[in-house]
Protein backbone atom coordinates (compact mmCIF):
# COMPACT_ATOMS: atom_id res chain seq x y z
CA MET A 1 11.07 36.96 16.73
CA PRO A 2 8.73 36.04 14.07
CA VAL A 3 6.57 32.76 14.64
CA THR A 4 7.28 29.73 12.57
CA ALA A 5 4.10 27.51 12.12
CA PRO A 6 5.14 24.09 12.98
CA ARG A 7 5.44 21.48 10.15
CA ARG A 8 2.71 19.15 8.91
CA LYS A 9 2.82 15.84 9.72
CA ARG A 10 4.21 13.70 6.61
CA LEU A 11 1.91 10.54 5.84
CA LEU A 12 4.15 7.95 3.29
CA VAL A 13 1.09 5.66 1.53
CA ILE A 14 2.39 2.59 0.13
CA ASN A 15 -0.45 1.03 -2.47
CA GLN A 16 0.46 -0.43 -6.02
CA TYR A 17 -3.01 1.35 -7.18
CA TYR A 18 -4.21 5.02 -6.88
CA TRP A 19 -5.77 7.01 -8.95
CA PRO A 20 -6.89 6.92 -12.09
CA GLY A 21 -7.14 3.49 -11.46
CA VAL A 22 -10.15 1.39 -11.51
CA GLU A 23 -9.54 -0.59 -8.91
CA ALA A 24 -11.72 -0.64 -5.79
CA THR A 25 -8.86 0.24 -3.79
CA ALA A 26 -7.55 3.05 -5.61
CA HIS A 27 -10.63 4.84 -5.54
CA LEU A 28 -11.05 4.61 -1.65
CA LEU A 29 -7.23 5.03 -1.38
CA THR A 30 -7.59 8.54 -3.46
CA ASP A 31 -10.48 9.31 -1.13
CA LEU A 32 -8.61 9.02 1.62
CA CYS A 33 -5.53 10.48 0.55
CA GLU A 34 -7.28 13.72 -0.96
CA GLY A 35 -9.44 14.18 2.57
CA LEU A 36 -6.02 13.87 4.61
CA ALA A 37 -4.15 16.47 2.57
CA GLY A 38 -5.54 19.53 4.42
CA THR A 39 -4.19 18.35 7.50
CA PHE A 40 -0.60 15.97 5.96
CA ASP A 41 1.31 16.31 4.03
CA VAL A 42 0.88 13.52 1.70
CA ARG A 43 3.09 11.24 -0.22
CA VAL A 44 1.71 8.33 -1.99
CA VAL A 45 3.85 5.85 -3.61
CA THR A 46 2.12 3.94 -6.34
CA GLY A 47 2.93 1.89 -9.31
CA VAL A 48 2.27 2.56 -13.05
CA LEU A 49 -1.33 1.32 -14.39
CA ASN A 50 -1.84 -1.16 -17.08
CA GLU A 51 -3.50 1.48 -20.01
CA HIS A 52 -2.42 4.64 -18.00
CA GLU A 53 1.69 4.26 -18.83
CA ASP A 54 1.86 7.93 -20.42
CA GLU A 55 0.97 9.25 -16.44
CA PRO A 56 3.75 11.30 -15.72
CA ARG A 57 6.34 9.61 -12.60
CA SER A 58 5.50 12.57 -10.36
CA ILE A 59 2.59 14.75 -10.03
CA THR A 60 0.44 16.71 -7.30
CA ARG A 61 -3.37 16.41 -7.51
CA ASN A 62 -5.76 17.48 -4.95
CA GLY A 63 -3.21 18.10 -2.36
CA VAL A 64 -1.42 14.77 -3.00
CA GLU A 65 1.83 14.06 -3.96
CA ILE A 66 1.90 10.68 -6.32
CA HIS A 67 5.11 9.20 -7.30
CA ARG A 68 4.92 6.44 -9.65
CA VAL A 69 7.84 3.71 -9.31
CA LEU A 70 9.25 1.38 -12.34
CA SER A 71 7.17 -1.56 -12.47
CA THR A 72 5.52 -3.56 -15.13
CA SER A 73 1.73 -3.34 -15.90
CA PHE A 74 0.68 -5.83 -17.32
CA ASP A 75 -2.96 -7.21 -17.25
CA ARG A 76 -3.31 -8.77 -14.42
CA THR A 77 -5.68 -11.60 -15.65
CA GLY A 78 -2.61 -14.39 -15.65
CA LEU A 79 -0.70 -14.99 -12.65
CA ALA A 80 2.38 -14.98 -14.30
CA ALA A 81 1.83 -11.45 -15.53
CA ARG A 82 0.17 -10.43 -11.58
CA ALA A 83 3.08 -11.66 -10.26
CA SER A 84 5.38 -9.74 -12.22
CA ASN A 85 3.27 -6.59 -11.24
CA TYR A 86 3.21 -7.19 -7.86
CA PHE A 87 7.03 -8.22 -7.43
CA THR A 88 8.65 -5.22 -9.33
CA TYR A 89 6.31 -2.79 -7.57
CA LEU A 90 7.34 -4.21 -4.30
CA GLY A 91 10.80 -3.92 -4.90
CA SER A 92 10.60 -0.08 -6.38
CA SER A 93 8.28 0.65 -4.04
CA LEU A 94 10.48 -0.35 -1.11
CA MET A 95 13.40 1.49 -2.59
CA SER A 96 11.57 4.21 -3.19
CA GLY A 97 9.87 4.36 0.60
CA LEU A 98 13.58 3.61 2.15
CA LEU A 99 15.09 6.66 0.20
CA ALA A 100 11.78 9.06 1.26
CA GLU A 101 11.94 12.19 3.39
CA ARG A 102 11.44 10.52 6.87
CA PRO A 103 7.07 10.41 7.30
CA ASP A 104 5.54 10.30 10.42
CA VAL A 105 3.36 7.63 9.58
CA VAL A 106 3.75 5.03 7.12
CA LEU A 107 0.38 3.38 5.49
CA CYS A 108 -0.79 1.07 3.44
CA MET A 109 -3.37 -1.02 1.94
CA THR A 110 -3.33 -4.55 1.25
CA ASP A 111 -2.68 -4.63 -2.63
CA PRO A 112 -0.92 -6.34 -3.29
CA PRO A 113 -1.64 -8.55 -0.20
CA MET A 114 2.63 -8.48 0.58
CA VAL A 115 2.75 -4.42 0.28
CA GLY A 116 2.25 -4.75 4.45
CA SER A 117 5.89 -5.53 4.31
CA VAL A 118 7.39 -3.28 2.83
CA GLY A 119 5.22 -0.62 4.73
CA LEU A 120 6.84 -2.66 7.73
CA ALA A 121 10.50 -2.27 6.74
CA VAL A 122 10.09 1.25 6.02
CA ALA A 123 8.04 2.25 9.23
CA LYS A 124 11.04 0.90 10.99
CA ARG A 125 13.60 2.27 8.87
CA PHE A 126 12.38 5.55 10.57
CA GLY A 127 11.24 4.54 13.29
CA THR A 128 7.18 5.70 12.70
CA PRO A 129 4.07 3.59 13.20
CA LEU A 130 2.48 1.58 10.46
CA VAL A 131 -1.16 1.79 9.64
CA VAL A 132 -2.46 -1.40 7.48
CA VAL A 133 -6.07 -0.59 6.03
CA CYS A 134 -7.32 -4.30 5.54
CA GLN A 135 -9.39 -4.66 2.76
CA ASP A 136 -9.64 -8.18 2.33
CA VAL A 137 -7.75 -11.44 4.05
CA PHE A 138 -5.44 -12.95 2.55
CA PRO A 139 -4.54 -15.88 1.67
CA GLU A 140 -7.50 -17.10 3.03
CA THR A 141 -9.94 -15.03 0.54
CA ALA A 142 -8.18 -16.59 -2.80
CA VAL A 143 -8.19 -20.09 -1.45
CA LYS A 144 -11.52 -19.54 -0.78
CA LEU A 145 -11.96 -18.57 -4.75
CA GLY A 146 -9.67 -21.13 -5.59
CA ARG A 147 -6.95 -18.64 -7.32
CA LEU A 148 -3.99 -19.94 -5.23
CA THR A 149 -4.22 -24.38 -4.47
CA ASN A 150 -0.31 -24.34 -3.80
CA PRO A 151 0.07 -25.56 -0.02
CA PHE A 152 3.87 -24.04 -0.39
CA ALA A 153 2.48 -20.75 -1.52
CA VAL A 154 -0.51 -20.49 0.60
CA GLY A 155 1.89 -21.22 4.00
CA THR A 156 4.39 -18.72 2.96
CA LEU A 157 2.36 -15.83 2.06
CA GLY A 158 0.18 -16.00 5.19
CA ARG A 159 3.14 -15.89 6.84
CA ILE A 160 4.39 -13.20 5.69
CA VAL A 161 0.29 -11.10 6.01
CA GLY A 162 0.82 -12.25 9.50
CA SER A 163 3.76 -10.97 10.35
CA TYR A 164 3.51 -7.63 9.35
CA LEU A 165 -0.38 -7.83 10.41
CA ARG A 166 0.83 -8.86 14.47
CA ARG A 167 3.79 -5.44 14.05
CA ALA A 168 1.67 -3.05 13.01
CA ASP A 169 0.91 -0.20 15.01
CA CYS A 170 -2.56 -0.08 13.58
CA ILE A 171 -4.76 -2.23 11.79
CA VAL A 172 -7.76 -0.78 10.43
CA SER A 173 -10.57 -2.71 8.41
CA ILE A 174 -13.34 -2.46 6.81
CA GLY A 175 -15.88 -4.06 9.18
CA GLU A 176 -16.60 -6.12 12.57
CA THR A 177 -16.82 -9.91 11.00
CA MET A 178 -13.32 -8.74 9.39
CA SER A 179 -11.90 -7.42 12.71
CA GLU A 180 -13.32 -10.52 14.13
CA ARG A 181 -11.41 -12.58 11.27
CA LEU A 182 -8.28 -11.00 11.73
CA VAL A 183 -8.00 -11.60 15.59
CA ALA A 184 -8.69 -15.08 15.17
């Protein structure tokens, strides 16, 4: 009787930015996913990039299956344009994640900050762990930078982010100080 190799674990990654994006999270996530592709079947659900709208919607690169969902890709300098990019990406990535082949682990970063809610919904649907890689503390950072001043928006976003962080199975932070802030 022939022996079959065990199935490789499936990692579903949800983040708006990925290669060839110039954002820091795009570079970090690309390096991480390509490094994990030797051990896992890695699928990334990402958005359309401004100035890269001609990129194929689905491609495999360096062992990583990349799926670009329909989303706007406006220049992010204006708040309304950034919000449109976020919300179209979040809606499309939620549908893509919920309809994906069952992953063994769901991983998301914090770009956009609410993407953890999508990751949580997908992880709960499949009964799999959620790993959140935190690159920043949101909405606190946006408030300190003066980019977010509406108290209702600050409170709502804080509750959304806090909800998925409390329910994640694992949180990876970029350092000890951030870990302390996230716990606080």
